[in-house]
PDB file of N, CA and C in Angstrom:
ATOM      1  N   MET A   1      11.695  15.366   8.157  1.00  0.00           N
ATOM      2  CA  MET A   1      10.677  14.726   7.892  1.00  0.00           C
ATOM      3  C   MET A   1      10.698  13.414   7.731  1.00  0.00           C
ATOM      4  N   LYS A   2      10.076  12.934   7.804  1.00  0.00           N
ATOM      5  CA  LYS A   2       9.699  11.419   7.461  1.00  0.00           C
ATOM      6  C   LYS A   2       9.699  11.135   6.218  1.00  0.00           C
ATOM      7  N   ILE A   3      10.336  10.117   5.820  1.00  0.00           N
ATOM      8  CA  ILE A   3      10.792   9.698   4.510  1.00  0.00           C
ATOM      9  C   ILE A   3      10.236   7.739   4.410  1.00  0.00           C
ATOM     10  N   HIS A   4       9.003   7.399   4.179  1.00  0.00           N
ATOM     11  CA  HIS A   4       8.625   6.465   3.912  1.00  0.00           C
ATOM     12  C   HIS A   4       8.972   5.294   2.888  1.00  0.00           C
ATOM     13  N   LEU A   5      10.441   4.548   2.865  1.00  0.00           N
ATOM     14  CA  LEU A   5      10.784   3.808   1.968  1.00  0.00           C
ATOM     15  C   LEU A   5      10.132   2.397   2.151  1.00  0.00           C
ATOM     16  N   ARG A   6       9.299   2.571  -0.193  1.00  0.00           N
ATOM     17  CA  ARG A   6       8.855   1.088  -0.251  1.00  0.00           C
ATOM     18  C   ARG A   6      10.429   0.300  -1.339  1.00  0.00           C
ATOM     19  N   TYR A   7      11.079  -0.135  -0.927  1.00  0.00           N
ATOM     20  CA  TYR A   7      11.936  -0.288  -2.153  1.00  0.00           C
ATOM     21  C   TYR A   7      12.623  -2.076  -2.619  1.00  0.00           C
ATOM     22  N   ASN A   8      12.313  -3.056  -3.530  1.00  0.00           N
ATOM     23  CA  ASN A   8      13.075  -4.040  -3.120  1.00  0.00           C
ATOM     24  C   ASN A   8      12.435  -4.820  -2.125  1.00  0.00           C
ATOM     25  N   GLY A   9      11.212  -4.857  -2.281  1.00  0.00           N
ATOM     26  CA  GLY A   9       9.736  -5.754  -1.425  1.00  0.00           C
ATOM     27  C   GLY A   9      10.152  -5.708   0.337  1.00  0.00           C
ATOM     28  N   LYS A  10      10.602  -4.465   0.040  1.00  0.00           N
ATOM     29  CA  LYS A  10      10.968  -3.545   1.927  1.00  0.00           C
ATOM     30  C   LYS A  10      10.001  -2.862   1.759  1.00  0.00           C
ATOM     31  N   SER A  11       9.530  -2.333   3.001  1.00  0.00           N
ATOM     32  CA  SER A  11       9.372  -0.833   3.753  1.00  0.00           C
ATOM     33  C   SER A  11       9.989  -0.397   4.821  1.00  0.00           C
ATOM     34  N   THR A  12      10.238   0.675   4.769  1.00  0.00           N
ATOM     35  CA  THR A  12      10.536   0.873   5.778  1.00  0.00           C
ATOM     36  C   THR A  12      10.692   2.584   6.376  1.00  0.00           C
ATOM     37  N   THR A  13      10.595   2.934   7.622  1.00  0.00           N
ATOM     38  CA  THR A  13       9.870   4.973   7.460  1.00  0.00           C
ATOM     39  C   THR A  13      11.367   4.807   8.817  1.00  0.00           C
ATOM     40  N   ILE A  14      12.168   5.832   7.808  1.00  0.00           N
ATOM     41  CA  ILE A  14      13.514   6.531   8.835  1.00  0.00           C
ATOM     42  C   ILE A  14      12.983   8.651   8.468  1.00  0.00           C
ATOM     43  N   GLU A  15      13.463   8.723   9.225  1.00  0.00           N
ATOM     44  CA  GLU A  15      13.809  10.749   9.187  1.00  0.00           C
ATOM     45  C   GLU A  15      14.642  10.720   8.247  1.00  0.00           C
ATOM     46  N   GLY A  16      15.074  11.860   7.436  1.00  0.00           N
ATOM     47  CA  GLY A  16      15.414  12.267   6.474  1.00  0.00           C
ATOM     48  C   GLY A  16      15.763  13.623   6.320  1.00  0.00           C
ATOM     49  N   PRO A  17      16.125  14.477   5.855  1.00  0.00           N
ATOM     50  CA  PRO A  17      16.250  15.798   5.182  1.00  0.00           C
ATOM     51  C   PRO A  17      15.350  16.523   4.536  1.00  0.00           C
ATOM     52  N   ASN A  18      15.020  17.883   5.237  1.00  0.00           N
ATOM     53  CA  ASN A  18      13.519  18.306   4.141  1.00  0.00           C
ATOM     54  C   ASN A  18      14.174  19.287   2.866  1.00  0.00           C
ATOM     55  N   GLY A  19      14.608  18.123   2.066  1.00  0.00           N
ATOM     56  CA  GLY A  19      15.007  19.161   0.970  1.00  0.00           C
ATOM     57  C   GLY A  19      14.739  18.223  -0.408  1.00  0.00           C
ATOM     58  N   THR A  20      14.844  19.171  -1.382  1.00  0.00           N
ATOM     59  CA  THR A  20      14.713  18.440  -2.617  1.00  0.00           C
ATOM     60  C   THR A  20      14.858  16.516  -3.028  1.00  0.00           C
ATOM     61  N   ASP A  21      13.936  16.586  -3.829  1.00  0.00           N
ATOM     62  CA  ASP A  21      13.982  15.585  -4.283  1.00  0.00           C
ATOM     63  C   ASP A  21      15.239  14.782  -4.719  1.00  0.00           C
ATOM     64  N   GLN A  22      16.291  15.617  -5.505  1.00  0.00           N
ATOM     65  CA  GLN A  22      17.374  14.338  -5.564  1.00  0.00           C
ATOM     66  C   GLN A  22      18.411  14.757  -4.621  1.00  0.00           C
ATOM     67  N   GLU A  23      17.973  15.903  -2.854  1.00  0.00           N
ATOM     68  CA  GLU A  23      19.286  15.658  -2.257  1.00  0.00           C
ATOM     69  C   GLU A  23      18.083  14.592  -1.516  1.00  0.00           C
ATOM     70  N   VAL A  24      16.919  14.163  -0.974  1.00  0.00           N
ATOM     71  CA  VAL A  24      16.401  13.213  -0.210  1.00  0.00           C
ATOM     72  C   VAL A  24      17.271  11.635  -1.108  1.00  0.00           C
ATOM     73  N   ILE A  25      17.118  11.638  -2.637  1.00  0.00           N
ATOM     74  CA  ILE A  25      17.900   9.922  -2.340  1.00  0.00           C
ATOM     75  C   ILE A  25      19.180   9.677  -2.564  1.00  0.00           C
ATOM     76  N   ARG A  26      19.689  11.554  -2.627  1.00  0.00           N
ATOM     77  CA  ARG A  26      21.194  11.037  -2.450  1.00  0.00           C
ATOM     78  C   ARG A  26      21.523  11.200  -1.123  1.00  0.00           C
ATOM     79  N   HIS A  27      20.720  11.201   0.133  1.00  0.00           N
ATOM     80  CA  HIS A  27      20.330  10.690   1.319  1.00  0.00           C
ATOM     81  C   HIS A  27      20.446   9.350   1.657  1.00  0.00           C
ATOM     82  N   LEU A  28      19.579   8.904   1.064  1.00  0.00           N
ATOM     83  CA  LEU A  28      19.619   6.806   0.633  1.00  0.00           C
ATOM     84  C   LEU A  28      19.787   6.719   0.294  1.00  0.00           C
ATOM     85  N   GLU A  29      20.857   7.179  -0.365  1.00  0.00           N
ATOM     86  CA  GLU A  29      21.669   5.963  -1.398  1.00  0.00           C
ATOM     87  C   GLU A  29      23.204   6.067  -0.136  1.00  0.00           C
ATOM     88  N   GLN A  30      23.933   7.311   0.324  1.00  0.00           N
ATOM     89  CA  GLN A  30      24.845   7.510   1.607  1.00  0.00           C
ATOM     90  C   GLN A  30      24.247   6.612   2.418  1.00  0.00           C
ATOM     91  N   ARG A  31      23.259   6.350   2.981  1.00  0.00           N
ATOM     92  CA  ARG A  31      22.321   5.396   3.718  1.00  0.00           C
ATOM     93  C   ARG A  31      22.890   4.494   4.221  1.00  0.00           C
ATOM     94  N   GLY A  32      22.763   3.577   2.058  1.00  0.00           N
ATOM     95  CA  GLY A  32      22.991   2.475   2.557  1.00  0.00           C
ATOM     96  C   GLY A  32      21.256   2.409   2.193  1.00  0.00           C
ATOM     97  N   TYR A  33      20.449   3.033   2.052  1.00  0.00           N
ATOM     98  CA  TYR A  33      18.938   2.053   1.624  1.00  0.00           C
ATOM     99  C   TYR A  33      18.830   2.265   0.450  1.00  0.00           C
ATOM    100  N   LEU A  34      18.975   3.091  -0.499  1.00  0.00           N
ATOM    101  CA  LEU A  34      19.306   2.753  -2.271  1.00  0.00           C
ATOM    102  C   LEU A  34      20.154   2.293  -2.725  1.00  0.00           C
ATOM    103  N   PRO A  35      20.786   1.715  -3.830  1.00  0.00           N
ATOM    104  CA  PRO A  35      21.900   1.611  -4.717  1.00  0.00           C
ATOM    105  C   PRO A  35      21.984   2.658  -4.903  1.00  0.00           C
ATOM    106  N   PRO A  36      23.052   2.784  -5.617  1.00  0.00           N
ATOM    107  CA  PRO A  36      23.569   3.639  -5.988  1.00  0.00           C
ATOM    108  C   PRO A  36      22.757   4.219  -7.351  1.00  0.00           C
ATOM    109  N   ARG A  37      22.880   5.479  -7.836  1.00  0.00           N
ATOM    110  CA  ARG A  37      21.521   6.033  -9.187  1.00  0.00           C
ATOM    111  C   ARG A  37      22.001   5.203 -10.210  1.00  0.00           C
ATOM    112  N   THR A  38      23.428   5.052 -10.516  1.00  0.00           N
ATOM    113  CA  THR A  38      23.658   4.422 -12.194  1.00  0.00           C
ATOM    114  C   THR A  38      23.529   3.157 -12.238  1.00  0.00           C
ATOM    115  N   SER A  39      22.914   2.482 -10.764  1.00  0.00           N
ATOM    116  CA  SER A  39      22.585   1.333 -10.963  1.00  0.00           C
ATOM    117  C   SER A  39      21.235   1.634 -10.743  1.00  0.00           C
ATOM    118  N   LEU A  40      20.368   2.752 -10.108  1.00  0.00           N
ATOM    119  CA  LEU A  40      18.808   2.510 -10.221  1.00  0.00           C
ATOM    120  C   LEU A  40      18.808   2.472 -12.363  1.00  0.00           C
ATOM    121  N   ILE A  41      19.490   4.028 -12.918  1.00  0.00           N
ATOM    122  CA  ILE A  41      19.764   3.864 -13.574  1.00  0.00           C
ATOM    123  C   ILE A  41      19.508   2.590 -15.168  1.00  0.00           C
ATOM    124  N   ARG A  42      20.552   1.805 -14.529  1.00  0.00           N
ATOM    125  CA  ARG A  42      21.010   0.618 -15.009  1.00  0.00           C
ATOM    126  C   ARG A  42      20.048  -0.838 -15.277  1.00  0.00           C
ATOM    127  N   ASP A  43      19.220  -0.451 -14.229  1.00  0.00           N
ATOM    128  CA  ASP A  43      18.564  -2.058 -14.239  1.00  0.00           C
ATOM    129  C   ASP A  43      16.730  -1.063 -14.041  1.00  0.00           C
ATOM    130  N   ALA A  44      16.799  -0.006 -15.002  1.00  0.00           N
ATOM    131  CA  ALA A  44      15.623   0.425 -15.044  1.00  0.00           C
ATOM    132  C   ALA A  44      14.929   0.872 -14.074  1.00  0.00           C
ATOM    133  N   SER A  45      14.898   0.948 -12.723  1.00  0.00           N
ATOM    134  CA  SER A  45      14.296   1.015 -11.487  1.00  0.00           C
ATOM    135  C   SER A  45      14.180   2.421 -11.385  1.00  0.00           C
ATOM    136  N   PRO A  46      13.003   2.791 -12.056  1.00  0.00           N
ATOM    137  CA  PRO A  46      12.499   4.564 -11.641  1.00  0.00           C
ATOM    138  C   PRO A  46      12.439   4.445 -10.110  1.00  0.00           C
ATOM    139  N   LEU A  47      11.983   5.292  -9.626  1.00  0.00           N
ATOM    140  CA  LEU A  47      11.580   5.673  -8.404  1.00  0.00           C
ATOM    141  C   LEU A  47      10.240   7.111  -8.159  1.00  0.00           C
ATOM    142  N   MET A  48       9.728   6.981  -7.470  1.00  0.00           N
ATOM    143  CA  MET A  48       8.824   7.841  -7.731  1.00  0.00           C
ATOM    144  C   MET A  48       7.939   8.438  -6.537  1.00  0.00           C
ATOM    145  N   ILE A  49       8.342  10.039  -6.288  1.00  0.00           N
ATOM    146  CA  ILE A  49       7.912  10.490  -5.366  1.00  0.00           C
ATOM    147  C   ILE A  49       7.194  11.086  -4.899  1.00  0.00           C
ATOM    148  N   ASP A  50       6.209  10.867  -3.418  1.00  0.00           N
ATOM    149  CA  ASP A  50       5.151  11.421  -3.194  1.00  0.00           C
ATOM    150  C   ASP A  50       5.409  12.003  -1.957  1.00  0.00           C
ATOM    151  N   ARG A  51       4.902  13.503  -1.923  1.00  0.00           N
ATOM    152  CA  ARG A  51       5.319  13.775  -0.855  1.00  0.00           C
ATOM    153  C   ARG A  51       3.608  14.521  -0.443  1.00  0.00           C
ATOM    154  N   HIS A  52       4.031  13.964   0.948  1.00  0.00           N
ATOM    155  CA  HIS A  52       2.639  14.188   1.916  1.00  0.00           C
ATOM    156  C   HIS A  52       2.865  15.421   3.345  1.00  0.00           C
ATOM    157  N   PRO A  53       1.820  16.256   3.741  1.00  0.00           N
ATOM    158  CA  PRO A  53       1.523  16.791   4.609  1.00  0.00           C
ATOM    159  C   PRO A  53       3.155  16.812   5.479  1.00  0.00           C
ATOM    160  N   ASP A  54       3.123  14.951   6.180  1.00  0.00           N
ATOM    161  CA  ASP A  54       3.711  14.711   6.575  1.00  0.00           C
ATOM    162  C   ASP A  54       5.030  14.459   6.463  1.00  0.00           C
ATOM    163  N   GLY A  55       5.198  14.322   5.296  1.00  0.00           N
ATOM    164  CA  GLY A  55       6.879  13.459   4.451  1.00  0.00           C
ATOM    165  C   GLY A  55       6.681  13.266   3.643  1.00  0.00           C
ATOM    166  N   MET A  56       7.460  11.936   2.808  1.00  0.00           N
ATOM    167  CA  MET A  56       7.362  11.368   1.801  1.00  0.00           C
ATOM    168  C   MET A  56       7.314  10.652   1.292  1.00  0.00           C
ATOM    169  N   VAL A  57       6.736   9.559  -0.138  1.00  0.00           N
ATOM    170  CA  VAL A  57       6.936   7.818   0.121  1.00  0.00           C
ATOM    171  C   VAL A  57       8.279   7.902  -1.153  1.00  0.00           C
ATOM    172  N   VAL A  58       9.136   7.492  -1.182  1.00  0.00           N
ATOM    173  CA  VAL A  58       9.790   7.107  -2.158  1.00  0.00           C
ATOM    174  C   VAL A  58       9.143   5.428  -2.556  1.00  0.00           C
ATOM    175  N   ARG A  59       9.176   5.354  -3.721  1.00  0.00           N
ATOM    176  CA  ARG A  59       8.508   3.675  -3.826  1.00  0.00           C
ATOM    177  C   ARG A  59       8.671   3.949  -5.358  1.00  0.00           C
ATOM    178  N   PRO A  60       8.480   2.484  -5.994  1.00  0.00           N
ATOM    179  CA  PRO A  60       9.095   2.369  -7.469  1.00  0.00           C
ATOM    180  C   PRO A  60       7.777   2.998  -8.807  1.00  0.00           C
ATOM    181  N   PRO A  61       7.520   2.780  -9.537  1.00  0.00           N
ATOM    182  CA  PRO A  61       5.867   2.905 -10.220  1.00  0.00           C
ATOM    183  C   PRO A  61       4.960   1.928  -9.879  1.00  0.00           C
ATOM    184  N   ALA A  62       3.838   3.101  -9.703  1.00  0.00           N
ATOM    185  CA  ALA A  62       2.646   1.314  -9.542  1.00  0.00           C
ATOM    186  C   ALA A  62       2.542   0.943 -10.708  1.00  0.00           C
ATOM    187  N   VAL A  63       2.250  -0.060 -11.107  1.00  0.00           N
ATOM    188  CA  VAL A  63       1.712  -0.748 -12.160  1.00  0.00           C
ATOM    189  C   VAL A  63       0.449  -1.632 -12.060  1.00  0.00           C
ATOM    190  N   PHE A  64      -0.607  -1.104 -12.782  1.00  0.00           N
ATOM    191  CA  PHE A  64      -2.319  -1.191 -12.971  1.00  0.00           C
ATOM    192  C   PHE A  64      -2.584  -2.407 -14.551  1.00  0.00           C
ATOM    193  N   GLY A  65      -3.107  -3.318 -13.594  1.00  0.00           N
ATOM    194  CA  GLY A  65      -3.476  -3.850 -14.892  1.00  0.00           C
ATOM    195  C   GLY A  65      -3.269  -5.150 -14.998  1.00  0.00           C
TER     196      GLY A  65
END
């Protein structure tokens, strides 16, 4: 499955597992694309996951206004 990652001002598309949201996040952490989950929680950087027929997008929440 294609995973389009938008994080820390960068945009990357990689191939990843076709699993649950948590499995995909763990895969990205293990490959070094994301910091460990404890860092995300501590830094208050939640992630949003948008699923599409051809893959998924992992990104920070949108800010409007």
